C-alpha cells in the first residue's frame, strides 16, 4: 500500500513540474548561438611583418566558343637579372609549386587560331605586364594518363621557345603562329611584379592540332614528337 501511494505521489509531482515549466519557458527568449566570425588578416600581417600579402590569382585561356581552360601556378621567380661587364648574371631564385601537375582535360589549339588570356585580378598587388609563350615538348610517356605525368622529369622540353606576345591589363589576345608544328606544348603566362622583384609563371599543357577546343586527354596513346 505504501509503494502504491509513493508511485501516485511521484506521478502528481512530475505532472506539476511539467505544468510549471510549460508556463515559465515562454517567458525566456531563446536565440540561436552562432560561431563568432574572426578576421585573421590583422594578426596575419602582424605575424609576417608586412601588409603586402600576395595570393596568386587565376589565369585562364578563353576560346571563341565560350569555353575556357585554367593555367596553374608552376613557378615564382624572385630577384632580377643584372647586366654586368662580364655578361648577364642571373641572381633570380625560382620557387617551384610542389602541387603543380597536369590535368587529364587539356586544351587543343589549331594553327592560326585566336585565343585570349584572362588574368584579371581585384588584388591590391597588381602585375604591370605579362608575356605569353609556347615551350615545345619532344614527347610524352606512351600509355600514361596526363595526370600521372611528372612535369619535372617526364616532359622533355625543347628550344627555341615560341614567343606569342605581351599584354598589359587583365586580358590579352593572341594567335597560334602559322609556322607552329603540331604536337604538345607548355603554354606559359608570366606575370611581372617589378616593384616586388617577382614574376609568377602560370602554365598548362596544350596540344596544337588542326582543330581547337577542350578535350579529355585520358591516356596518351603514344609518344607524340614535334614534327
C-alpha atoms as a PDB file:
ATOM      1  CA  UNK A   1       0.000   0.000   0.000  1.00  0.00           C
ATOM      2  CA  UNK A   2       2.882   2.337   0.817  1.00  0.00           C
ATOM      3  CA  UNK A   3       4.552   1.694  -2.563  1.00  0.00           C
ATOM      4  CA  UNK A   4       1.310   2.462  -4.371  1.00  0.00           C
ATOM      5  CA  UNK A   5       0.983   5.798  -2.585  1.00  0.00           C
ATOM      6  CA  UNK A   6       4.596   6.668  -3.385  1.00  0.00           C
ATOM      7  CA  UNK A   7       4.049   5.902  -7.077  1.00  0.00           C
ATOM      8  CA  UNK A   8       0.909   8.079  -7.189  1.00  0.00           C
ATOM      9  CA  UNK A   9       2.716  10.957  -5.455  1.00  0.00           C
ATOM     10  CA  UNK A  10       5.593  10.727  -7.978  1.00  0.00           C
ATOM     11  CA  UNK A  11       3.194  10.974 -10.898  1.00  0.00           C
ATOM     12  CA  UNK A  12       1.499  14.023  -9.368  1.00  0.00           C
ATOM     13  CA  UNK A  13       4.893  15.737  -8.761  1.00  0.00           C
ATOM     14  CA  UNK A  14       6.050  15.028 -12.329  1.00  0.00           C
ATOM     15  CA  UNK A  15       2.833  16.400 -13.789  1.00  0.00           C
ATOM     16  CA  UNK A  16       3.085  19.502 -11.626  1.00  0.00           C
ATOM     17  CA  UNK A  17       6.715  20.119 -12.718  1.00  0.00           C
ATOM     18  CA  UNK A  18       5.810  19.767 -16.378  1.00  0.00           C
ATOM     19  CA  UNK A  19       2.940  22.224 -15.967  1.00  0.00           C
ATOM     20  CA  UNK A  20       5.165  24.771 -14.224  1.00  0.00           C
ATOM     21  CA  UNK A  21       7.913  24.502 -16.865  1.00  0.00           C
ATOM     22  CA  UNK A  22       5.453  24.882 -19.731  1.00  0.00           C
ATOM     23  CA  UNK A  23       4.188  28.063 -18.154  1.00  0.00           C
ATOM     24  CA  UNK A  24       7.656  29.509 -17.408  1.00  0.00           C
ATOM     25  CA  UNK A  25       9.610  28.668 -20.584  1.00  0.00           C
ATOM     26  CA  UNK A  26       7.725  31.107 -22.860  1.00  0.00           C
ATOM     27  CA  UNK A  27       8.958  33.918 -20.570  1.00  0.00           C
ATOM     28  CA  UNK A  28      12.558  33.277 -21.728  1.00  0.00           C
ATOM     29  CA  UNK A  29      13.729  34.327 -25.220  1.00  0.00           C
ATOM     30  CA  UNK A  30      15.675  31.523 -26.888  1.00  0.00           C
ATOM     31  CA  UNK A  31      18.182  32.698 -29.523  1.00  0.00           C
ATOM     32  CA  UNK A  32      20.382  30.527 -31.751  1.00  0.00           C
ATOM     33  CA  UNK A  33      24.087  30.625 -30.989  1.00  0.00           C
ATOM     34  CA  UNK A  34      26.468  31.241 -33.903  1.00  0.00           C
ATOM     35  CA  UNK A  35      30.251  30.969 -34.032  1.00  0.00           C
ATOM     36  CA  UNK A  36      31.854  34.400 -33.993  1.00  0.00           C
ATOM     37  CA  UNK A  37      33.480  35.381 -37.286  1.00  0.00           C
ATOM     38  CA  UNK A  38      37.134  36.160 -36.658  1.00  0.00           C
ATOM     39  CA  UNK A  39      39.181  38.335 -39.024  1.00  0.00           C
ATOM     40  CA  UNK A  40      42.678  36.888 -39.094  1.00  0.00           C
ATOM     41  CA  UNK A  41      44.048  39.403 -41.606  1.00  0.00           C
ATOM     42  CA  UNK A  42      45.394  41.852 -38.985  1.00  0.00           C
ATOM     43  CA  UNK A  43      47.035  39.107 -36.929  1.00  0.00           C
ATOM     44  CA  UNK A  44      48.480  37.597 -40.098  1.00  0.00           C
ATOM     45  CA  UNK A  45      50.007  40.922 -41.155  1.00  0.00           C
ATOM     46  CA  UNK A  46      51.495  41.438 -37.695  1.00  0.00           C
ATOM     47  CA  UNK A  47      52.854  37.915 -37.664  1.00  0.00           C
ATOM     48  CA  UNK A  48      54.524  38.288 -41.070  1.00  0.00           C
ATOM     49  CA  UNK A  49      55.600  41.897 -40.540  1.00  0.00           C
ATOM     50  CA  UNK A  50      54.134  43.234 -43.808  1.00  0.00           C
ATOM     51  CA  UNK A  51      50.882  44.427 -45.339  1.00  0.00           C
ATOM     52  CA  UNK A  52      51.892  43.043 -48.741  1.00  0.00           C
ATOM     53  CA  UNK A  53      50.371  39.573 -48.575  1.00  0.00           C
ATOM     54  CA  UNK A  54      50.199  38.065 -52.054  1.00  0.00           C
ATOM     55  CA  UNK A  55      47.728  35.420 -53.184  1.00  0.00           C
ATOM     56  CA  UNK A  56      48.317  34.000 -56.680  1.00  0.00           C
ATOM     57  CA  UNK A  57      45.424  34.746 -58.989  1.00  0.00           C
ATOM     58  CA  UNK A  58      43.644  32.660 -61.542  1.00  0.00           C
ATOM     59  CA  UNK A  59      44.783  32.691 -65.179  1.00  0.00           C
ATOM     60  CA  UNK A  60      42.597  31.263 -67.951  1.00  0.00           C
ATOM     61  CA  UNK A  61      42.648  30.559 -71.676  1.00  0.00           C
ATOM     62  CA  UNK A  62      39.452  31.848 -73.295  1.00  0.00           C
ATOM     63  CA  UNK A  63      38.255  30.301 -76.549  1.00  0.00           C
ATOM     64  CA  UNK A  64      35.914  31.905 -79.048  1.00  0.00           C
ATOM     65  CA  UNK A  65      33.213  29.301 -78.352  1.00  0.00           C
ATOM     66  CA  UNK A  66      32.798  30.396 -74.730  1.00  0.00           C
ATOM     67  CA  UNK A  67      34.873  27.597 -73.235  1.00  0.00           C
ATOM     68  CA  UNK A  68      37.950  28.163 -71.117  1.00  0.00           C
ATOM     69  CA  UNK A  69      40.864  26.292 -69.566  1.00  0.00           C
ATOM     70  CA  UNK A  70      42.890  27.060 -66.447  1.00  0.00           C
ATOM     71  CA  UNK A  71      46.618  27.726 -66.257  1.00  0.00           C
ATOM     72  CA  UNK A  72      48.008  26.764 -62.853  1.00  0.00           C
ATOM     73  CA  UNK A  73      50.837  28.421 -60.941  1.00  0.00           C
ATOM     74  CA  UNK A  74      54.051  26.493 -61.624  1.00  0.00           C
ATOM     75  CA  UNK A  75      56.854  28.861 -60.569  1.00  0.00           C
ATOM     76  CA  UNK A  76      57.513  32.040 -58.620  1.00  0.00           C
ATOM     77  CA  UNK A  77      60.694  33.806 -59.738  1.00  0.00           C
ATOM     78  CA  UNK A  78      62.271  36.144 -57.171  1.00  0.00           C
ATOM     79  CA  UNK A  79      65.034  38.613 -57.989  1.00  0.00           C
ATOM     80  CA  UNK A  80      66.302  40.337 -61.107  1.00  0.00           C
ATOM     81  CA  UNK A  81      68.757  39.740 -63.915  1.00  0.00           C
ATOM     82  CA  UNK A  82      71.632  42.192 -63.509  1.00  0.00           C
ATOM     83  CA  UNK A  83      73.763  43.102 -66.511  1.00  0.00           C
ATOM     84  CA  UNK A  84      77.483  43.148 -65.717  1.00  0.00           C
ATOM     85  CA  UNK A  85      80.623  43.840 -67.721  1.00  0.00           C
ATOM     86  CA  UNK A  86      81.129  40.085 -67.948  1.00  0.00           C
ATOM     87  CA  UNK A  87      77.687  39.421 -69.387  1.00  0.00           C
ATOM     88  CA  UNK A  88      74.337  38.675 -67.801  1.00  0.00           C
ATOM     89  CA  UNK A  89      74.395  37.461 -64.220  1.00  0.00           C
ATOM     90  CA  UNK A  90      71.180  35.798 -63.155  1.00  0.00           C
ATOM     91  CA  UNK A  91      70.530  36.480 -59.484  1.00  0.00           C
ATOM     92  CA  UNK A  92      66.991  35.099 -59.507  1.00  0.00           C
ATOM     93  CA  UNK A  93      65.655  32.391 -57.238  1.00  0.00           C
ATOM     94  CA  UNK A  94      62.914  30.111 -58.572  1.00  0.00           C
ATOM     95  CA  UNK A  95      60.325  28.645 -56.203  1.00  0.00           C
ATOM     96  CA  UNK A  96      58.566  25.587 -57.618  1.00  0.00           C
ATOM     97  CA  UNK A  97      54.958  24.850 -56.760  1.00  0.00           C
ATOM     98  CA  UNK A  98      55.046  21.303 -55.299  1.00  0.00           C
ATOM     99  CA  UNK A  99      51.334  20.859 -56.041  1.00  0.00           C
ATOM    100  CA  UNK A 100      51.642  21.644 -59.748  1.00  0.00           C
ATOM    101  CA  UNK A 101      50.555  18.860 -62.075  1.00  0.00           C
ATOM    102  CA  UNK A 102      48.902  18.148 -65.394  1.00  0.00           C
ATOM    103  CA  UNK A 103      45.182  17.737 -65.909  1.00  0.00           C
ATOM    104  CA  UNK A 104      43.564  14.943 -67.904  1.00  0.00           C
ATOM    105  CA  UNK A 105      41.471  17.650 -69.565  1.00  0.00           C
ATOM    106  CA  UNK A 106      43.776  19.696 -71.769  1.00  0.00           C
ATOM    107  CA  UNK A 107      43.307  22.467 -74.308  1.00  0.00           C
ATOM    108  CA  UNK A 108      43.625  21.887 -78.031  1.00  0.00           C
ATOM    109  CA  UNK A 109      44.515  24.849 -80.247  1.00  0.00           C
ATOM    110  CA  UNK A 110      44.802  24.959 -84.006  1.00  0.00           C
ATOM    111  CA  UNK A 111      47.393  26.732 -86.114  1.00  0.00           C
ATOM    112  CA  UNK A 112      46.152  30.251 -86.844  1.00  0.00           C
ATOM    113  CA  UNK A 113      43.567  30.142 -84.042  1.00  0.00           C
ATOM    114  CA  UNK A 114      42.911  33.252 -81.966  1.00  0.00           C
ATOM    115  CA  UNK A 115      42.523  32.945 -78.207  1.00  0.00           C
ATOM    116  CA  UNK A 116      42.628  35.201 -75.178  1.00  0.00           C
ATOM    117  CA  UNK A 117      44.410  35.060 -71.849  1.00  0.00           C
ATOM    118  CA  UNK A 118      42.417  36.407 -68.898  1.00  0.00           C
ATOM    119  CA  UNK A 119      44.397  37.245 -65.760  1.00  0.00           C
ATOM    120  CA  UNK A 120      42.050  39.859 -64.320  1.00  0.00           C
ATOM    121  CA  UNK A 121      42.533  40.424 -60.602  1.00  0.00           C
ATOM    122  CA  UNK A 122      41.000  42.540 -57.850  1.00  0.00           C
ATOM    123  CA  UNK A 123      44.043  42.299 -55.601  1.00  0.00           C
ATOM    124  CA  UNK A 124      45.862  45.383 -54.334  1.00  0.00           C
ATOM    125  CA  UNK A 125      49.149  43.924 -55.605  1.00  0.00           C
ATOM    126  CA  UNK A 126      48.900  44.030 -59.388  1.00  0.00           C
ATOM    127  CA  UNK A 127      51.308  42.980 -62.105  1.00  0.00           C
ATOM    128  CA  UNK A 128      52.433  45.607 -64.610  1.00  0.00           C
ATOM    129  CA  UNK A 129      52.838  43.401 -67.685  1.00  0.00           C
ATOM    130  CA  UNK A 130      52.594  39.824 -68.879  1.00  0.00           C
ATOM    131  CA  UNK A 131      54.171  37.776 -71.633  1.00  0.00           C
ATOM    132  CA  UNK A 132      52.966  34.566 -73.252  1.00  0.00           C
ATOM    133  CA  UNK A 133      54.984  31.824 -74.984  1.00  0.00           C
ATOM    134  CA  UNK A 134      54.921  28.204 -76.099  1.00  0.00           C
ATOM    135  CA  UNK A 135      57.504  25.682 -74.891  1.00  0.00           C
ATOM    136  CA  UNK A 136      57.817  22.698 -77.289  1.00  0.00           C
ATOM    137  CA  UNK A 137      57.632  19.200 -75.765  1.00  0.00           C
ATOM    138  CA  UNK A 138      59.628  16.478 -77.535  1.00  0.00           C
ATOM    139  CA  UNK A 139      57.368  13.612 -76.469  1.00  0.00           C
ATOM    140  CA  UNK A 140      55.082  12.258 -73.758  1.00  0.00           C
ATOM    141  CA  UNK A 141      55.434   8.888 -71.999  1.00  0.00           C
ATOM    142  CA  UNK A 142      53.293   6.434 -74.023  1.00  0.00           C
ATOM    143  CA  UNK A 143      50.223   4.866 -72.424  1.00  0.00           C
ATOM    144  CA  UNK A 144      50.281   7.196 -69.409  1.00  0.00           C
ATOM    145  CA  UNK A 145      47.465   9.340 -68.061  1.00  0.00           C
ATOM    146  CA  UNK A 146      48.321  13.016 -68.306  1.00  0.00           C
ATOM    147  CA  UNK A 147      47.646  13.490 -64.588  1.00  0.00           C
ATOM    148  CA  UNK A 148      50.232  10.770 -63.812  1.00  0.00           C
ATOM    149  CA  UNK A 149      52.994  12.558 -65.725  1.00  0.00           C
ATOM    150  CA  UNK A 150      55.618  14.329 -63.632  1.00  0.00           C
ATOM    151  CA  UNK A 151      56.168  17.712 -65.332  1.00  0.00           C
ATOM    152  CA  UNK A 152      59.638  17.931 -63.796  1.00  0.00           C
ATOM    153  CA  UNK A 153      61.043  14.669 -65.150  1.00  0.00           C
ATOM    154  CA  UNK A 154      58.700  13.247 -67.806  1.00  0.00           C
ATOM    155  CA  UNK A 155      58.381  16.254 -70.105  1.00  0.00           C
ATOM    156  CA  UNK A 156      61.386  16.707 -72.384  1.00  0.00           C
ATOM    157  CA  UNK A 157      61.333  20.408 -73.195  1.00  0.00           C
ATOM    158  CA  UNK A 158      62.854  21.777 -76.379  1.00  0.00           C
ATOM    159  CA  UNK A 159      64.119  25.060 -77.763  1.00  0.00           C
ATOM    160  CA  UNK A 160      63.681  27.521 -79.272  1.00  0.00           C
ATOM    161  CA  UNK A 161      60.755  28.842 -77.257  1.00  0.00           C
ATOM    162  CA  UNK A 162      57.965  30.446 -79.261  1.00  0.00           C
ATOM    163  CA  UNK A 163      57.025  33.935 -78.019  1.00  0.00           C
ATOM    164  CA  UNK A 164      53.385  34.821 -78.651  1.00  0.00           C
ATOM    165  CA  UNK A 165      53.475  38.398 -77.342  1.00  0.00           C
ATOM    166  CA  UNK A 166      52.898  40.581 -74.311  1.00  0.00           C
ATOM    167  CA  UNK A 167      49.967  42.442 -72.810  1.00  0.00           C
ATOM    168  CA  UNK A 168      49.026  44.859 -70.051  1.00  0.00           C
ATOM    169  CA  UNK A 169      45.796  44.887 -68.110  1.00  0.00           C
ATOM    170  CA  UNK A 170      43.573  41.914 -67.478  1.00  0.00           C
ATOM    171  CA  UNK A 171      43.145  40.395 -70.952  1.00  0.00           C
ATOM    172  CA  UNK A 172      45.433  39.781 -73.918  1.00  0.00           C
ATOM    173  CA  UNK A 173      44.609  38.397 -77.377  1.00  0.00           C
ATOM    174  CA  UNK A 174      46.987  36.049 -79.210  1.00  0.00           C
ATOM    175  CA  UNK A 175      47.179  33.754 -82.218  1.00  0.00           C
ATOM    176  CA  UNK A 176      48.959  30.438 -82.796  1.00  0.00           C
ATOM    177  CA  UNK A 177      51.584  31.197 -85.495  1.00  0.00           C
ATOM    178  CA  UNK A 178      51.201  29.527 -88.862  1.00  0.00           C
ATOM    179  CA  UNK A 179      54.739  28.157 -88.546  1.00  0.00           C
ATOM    180  CA  UNK A 180      53.910  26.224 -85.345  1.00  0.00           C
ATOM    181  CA  UNK A 181      54.348  22.478 -85.762  1.00  0.00           C
ATOM    182  CA  UNK A 182      51.715  20.085 -84.457  1.00  0.00           C
ATOM    183  CA  UNK A 183      52.361  18.419 -81.112  1.00  0.00           C
ATOM    184  CA  UNK A 184      52.369  19.098 -77.383  1.00  0.00           C
ATOM    185  CA  UNK A 185      53.469  22.381 -75.831  1.00  0.00           C
ATOM    186  CA  UNK A 186      53.535  24.076 -72.468  1.00  0.00           C
ATOM    187  CA  UNK A 187      51.691  27.377 -72.647  1.00  0.00           C
ATOM    188  CA  UNK A 188      53.409  29.811 -70.278  1.00  0.00           C
ATOM    189  CA  UNK A 189      51.968  33.082 -68.973  1.00  0.00           C
ATOM    190  CA  UNK A 190      54.442  35.148 -66.925  1.00  0.00           C
ATOM    191  CA  UNK A 191      53.047  37.969 -64.780  1.00  0.00           C
ATOM    192  CA  UNK A 192      55.650  40.574 -63.803  1.00  0.00           C
ATOM    193  CA  UNK A 193      55.644  42.476 -60.498  1.00  0.00           C
ATOM    194  CA  UNK A 194      58.771  44.692 -60.780  1.00  0.00           C
ATOM    195  CA  UNK A 195      58.085  46.599 -57.558  1.00  0.00           C
ATOM    196  CA  UNK A 196      58.206  43.286 -55.699  1.00  0.00           C
ATOM    197  CA  UNK A 197      61.074  41.849 -57.743  1.00  0.00           C
ATOM    198  CA  UNK A 198      58.812  38.912 -58.577  1.00  0.00           C
ATOM    199  CA  UNK A 199      57.372  37.050 -61.556  1.00  0.00           C
ATOM    200  CA  UNK A 200      54.718  34.345 -61.367  1.00  0.00           C
ATOM    201  CA  UNK A 201      54.627  31.710 -64.117  1.00  0.00           C
ATOM    202  CA  UNK A 202      51.302  30.029 -64.850  1.00  0.00           C
ATOM    203  CA  UNK A 203      51.223  27.163 -67.321  1.00  0.00           C
ATOM    204  CA  UNK A 204      49.242  24.313 -68.836  1.00  0.00           C
ATOM    205  CA  UNK A 205      49.856  21.526 -71.319  1.00  0.00           C
ATOM    206  CA  UNK A 206      48.222  22.249 -74.684  1.00  0.00           C
ATOM    207  CA  UNK A 207      48.150  20.406 -77.971  1.00  0.00           C
ATOM    208  CA  UNK A 208      48.444  22.106 -81.333  1.00  0.00           C
ATOM    209  CA  UNK A 209      46.371  20.348 -83.986  1.00  0.00           C
ATOM    210  CA  UNK A 210      44.094  21.156 -86.878  1.00  0.00           C
ATOM    211  CA  UNK A 211      41.077  21.680 -84.591  1.00  0.00           C
ATOM    212  CA  UNK A 212      40.727  23.716 -81.430  1.00  0.00           C
ATOM    213  CA  UNK A 213      38.760  23.328 -78.209  1.00  0.00           C
ATOM    214  CA  UNK A 214      38.948  21.400 -74.929  1.00  0.00           C
ATOM    215  CA  UNK A 215      39.040  17.625 -74.845  1.00  0.00           C
ATOM    216  CA  UNK A 216      39.655  14.943 -72.287  1.00  0.00           C
ATOM    217  CA  UNK A 217      43.252  13.862 -72.585  1.00  0.00           C
ATOM    218  CA  UNK A 218      42.722  10.455 -70.942  1.00  0.00           C
ATOM    219  CA  UNK A 219      45.819   8.387 -71.630  1.00  0.00           C
ATOM    220  CA  UNK A 220      48.452   9.319 -74.136  1.00  0.00           C
ATOM    221  CA  UNK A 221      48.161   6.716 -76.918  1.00  0.00           C
ATOM    222  CA  UNK A 222      51.793   7.033 -77.944  1.00  0.00           C
ATOM    223  CA  UNK A 223      54.777   9.317 -77.729  1.00  0.00           C
ATOM    224  CA  UNK A 224      53.995  12.245 -79.992  1.00  0.00           C
ATOM    225  CA  UNK A 225      57.149  14.006 -81.245  1.00  0.00           C
ATOM    226  CA  UNK A 226      57.169  17.542 -82.559  1.00  0.00           C
ATOM    227  CA  UNK A 227      57.365  17.254 -86.333  1.00  0.00           C
END
